[in-house]
Amino acid sequence: MMNKTIIIYWSGTGNTKIMAEKIYEGLEEADIKNVFEATVNDTLKYDKIILGSPSMGNEQLEEYEFLPFFEELLPHLKNKKVALFGSYGWGDGLWMRNWVNKLKRSKANLFEEQLTIYSTPSGDEEKLCIEFGKKLNNF
């Protein structure tokens, strides 16, 4: 069996990548992949799936790489432990609320907290990411 936890993310400007790397620091044992390195079949071998995408366009998931991966993964997430994170530069977090609702409808076991950070994570926000990872160890 592989590691129990995987982080899969997409990052355009690097903000969500920073978040992914800091969350990874807080986890006891995990793998981390950019979405273009991930396959649905490999992802489903993990006990916990942590997904990260920034808000794009009109508050939506990145549509060329991340969204197609997520839509292929979604039907297989029933009872899977899933956590979400991402950065945004405008809006009020609608993209995250929509993402949460899609996962709830799929019957995924969604971590009760999502992590969103405006723009580039600062020192304090990087600490929040590490703490988020630590909390996920017990999820």
Protein backbone atom coordinates (compact mmCIF):
# COMPACT_ATOMS: atom_id res chain seq x y z
CA MET A 1 0.00 0.00 0.00
CA MET A 2 1.16 3.48 -0.81
CA ASN A 3 1.26 6.35 1.64
CA LYS A 4 -2.16 6.97 3.08
CA THR A 5 -2.43 10.62 2.05
CA ILE A 6 -1.93 12.46 -1.24
CA ILE A 7 -2.03 16.16 -2.04
CA ILE A 8 -2.95 16.97 -5.63
CA TYR A 9 -2.94 20.61 -6.68
CA TRP A 10 -2.82 23.02 -9.61
CA SER A 11 -1.11 26.38 -9.31
CA GLY A 12 -0.83 29.14 -11.88
CA THR A 13 1.02 31.87 -9.98
CA GLY A 14 2.59 29.67 -7.31
CA ASN A 15 0.27 30.63 -4.42
CA THR A 16 -1.57 27.30 -4.31
CA LYS A 17 1.77 25.48 -4.71
CA ILE A 18 3.09 27.25 -1.60
CA MET A 19 -0.06 26.18 0.25
CA ALA A 20 0.35 22.57 -0.92
CA GLU A 21 3.99 22.46 0.20
CA LYS A 22 3.18 23.93 3.63
CA ILE A 23 0.24 21.54 4.16
CA TYR A 24 2.63 18.72 3.19
CA GLU A 25 5.02 19.90 5.95
CA GLY A 26 2.26 19.39 8.51
CA LEU A 27 1.40 15.87 7.39
CA GLU A 28 3.12 12.86 8.95
CA GLU A 29 3.24 10.79 5.78
CA ALA A 30 2.06 11.92 2.36
CA ASP A 31 2.78 12.21 -1.32
CA ILE A 32 2.38 15.46 -3.21
CA LYS A 33 1.75 15.87 -6.94
CA ASN A 34 0.90 18.58 -9.39
CA VAL A 35 -2.37 17.57 -11.08
CA PHE A 36 -0.64 16.88 -14.40
CA GLU A 37 1.40 14.15 -12.66
CA ALA A 38 -1.68 12.47 -11.13
CA THR A 39 -4.02 9.80 -12.45
CA VAL A 40 -7.45 8.98 -11.06
CA ASN A 41 -6.58 5.29 -10.60
CA ASP A 42 -3.44 6.09 -8.59
CA THR A 43 -5.27 8.73 -6.55
CA LEU A 44 -7.99 6.27 -5.52
CA LYS A 45 -5.36 4.03 -3.87
CA TYR A 46 -4.97 6.62 -1.10
CA ASP A 47 -7.02 6.79 2.10
CA LYS A 48 -7.05 10.61 2.17
CA ILE A 49 -7.13 12.89 -0.86
CA ILE A 50 -6.29 16.57 -0.37
CA LEU A 51 -7.15 18.70 -3.39
CA GLY A 52 -5.96 22.23 -4.08
CA SER A 53 -6.96 24.67 -6.79
CA PRO A 54 -7.03 28.45 -6.98
CA SER A 55 -10.16 30.36 -7.89
CA MET A 56 -10.05 31.13 -11.59
CA GLY A 57 -12.12 33.28 -13.94
CA ASN A 58 -15.61 33.76 -12.56
CA GLU A 59 -14.83 31.95 -9.26
CA GLN A 60 -14.37 28.45 -10.63
CA LEU A 61 -11.81 25.65 -10.57
CA GLU A 62 -8.96 25.83 -13.08
CA GLU A 63 -10.67 24.48 -16.19
CA TYR A 64 -7.96 22.97 -18.42
CA GLU A 65 -6.04 20.65 -16.10
CA PHE A 66 -7.61 20.57 -12.65
CA LEU A 67 -11.33 20.54 -13.49
CA PRO A 68 -11.15 17.61 -15.96
CA PHE A 69 -9.15 15.58 -13.38
CA PHE A 70 -11.61 16.45 -10.61
CA GLU A 71 -14.65 15.62 -12.75
CA GLU A 72 -13.16 12.22 -13.60
CA LEU A 73 -12.34 11.61 -9.92
CA LEU A 74 -15.67 12.84 -8.49
CA PRO A 75 -17.85 9.76 -9.22
CA HIS A 76 -15.33 7.60 -7.30
CA LEU A 77 -15.21 9.67 -4.10
CA LYS A 78 -18.15 8.16 -2.23
CA ASN A 79 -16.97 7.51 1.37
CA LYS A 80 -13.43 8.70 0.52
CA LYS A 81 -11.78 11.17 2.91
CA VAL A 82 -11.32 14.43 1.01
CA ALA A 83 -10.03 17.87 2.06
CA LEU A 84 -9.91 21.06 -0.02
CA PHE A 85 -7.69 24.12 -0.16
CA GLY A 86 -6.89 26.97 -2.52
CA SER A 87 -5.97 30.58 -3.02
CA TYR A 88 -8.01 33.37 -4.54
CA GLY A 89 -7.45 36.91 -5.73
CA TRP A 90 -11.01 38.24 -5.93
CA GLY A 91 -14.55 37.34 -4.98
CA ASP A 92 -15.76 35.92 -1.69
CA GLY A 93 -14.97 32.22 -1.90
CA LEU A 94 -17.90 31.13 -4.10
CA TRP A 95 -15.63 28.69 -5.95
CA MET A 96 -14.88 26.88 -2.69
CA ARG A 97 -18.53 26.75 -1.61
CA ASN A 98 -19.49 25.30 -5.01
CA TRP A 99 -16.65 22.78 -4.77
CA VAL A 100 -17.76 21.72 -1.27
CA ASN A 101 -21.35 21.27 -2.48
CA LYS A 102 -20.22 19.03 -5.37
CA LEU A 103 -18.31 16.84 -2.93
CA LYS A 104 -21.23 16.68 -0.48
CA ARG A 105 -23.50 15.51 -3.30
CA SER A 106 -20.95 12.81 -4.22
CA LYS A 107 -21.18 11.46 -0.62
CA ALA A 108 -17.46 11.98 -0.06
CA ASN A 109 -16.34 12.10 3.57
CA LEU A 110 -15.43 15.79 3.44
CA PHE A 111 -13.08 17.31 6.05
CA GLU A 112 -15.22 19.87 7.88
CA GLU A 113 -12.79 22.71 7.26
CA GLN A 114 -11.45 24.08 3.98
CA LEU A 115 -8.43 26.32 3.77
CA THR A 116 -8.60 29.42 1.58
CA ILE A 117 -5.97 32.12 1.44
CA TYR A 118 -6.19 35.46 -0.32
CA SER A 119 -3.28 36.00 -2.74
CA THR A 120 0.22 34.89 -1.69
CA PRO A 121 0.52 33.10 1.66
CA SER A 122 2.43 35.21 4.22
CA GLY A 123 4.36 33.85 7.20
CA ASP A 124 1.24 33.57 9.37
CA GLU A 125 -0.76 32.04 6.54
CA GLU A 126 2.02 29.55 5.86
CA LYS A 127 1.69 28.52 9.54
CA LEU A 128 -2.08 28.08 8.98
CA CYS A 129 -1.26 25.71 6.10
CA ILE A 130 1.09 23.65 8.27
CA GLU A 131 -1.59 23.51 11.02
CA PHE A 132 -4.17 22.43 8.43
CA GLY A 133 -1.86 19.55 7.48
CA LYS A 134 -1.42 18.59 11.14
CA LYS A 135 -5.21 18.53 11.66
CA LEU A 136 -5.55 16.28 8.61
CA ASN A 137 -3.32 13.67 10.27
CA ASN A 138 -6.27 12.88 12.57
CA PHE A 139 -8.94 12.97 9.84
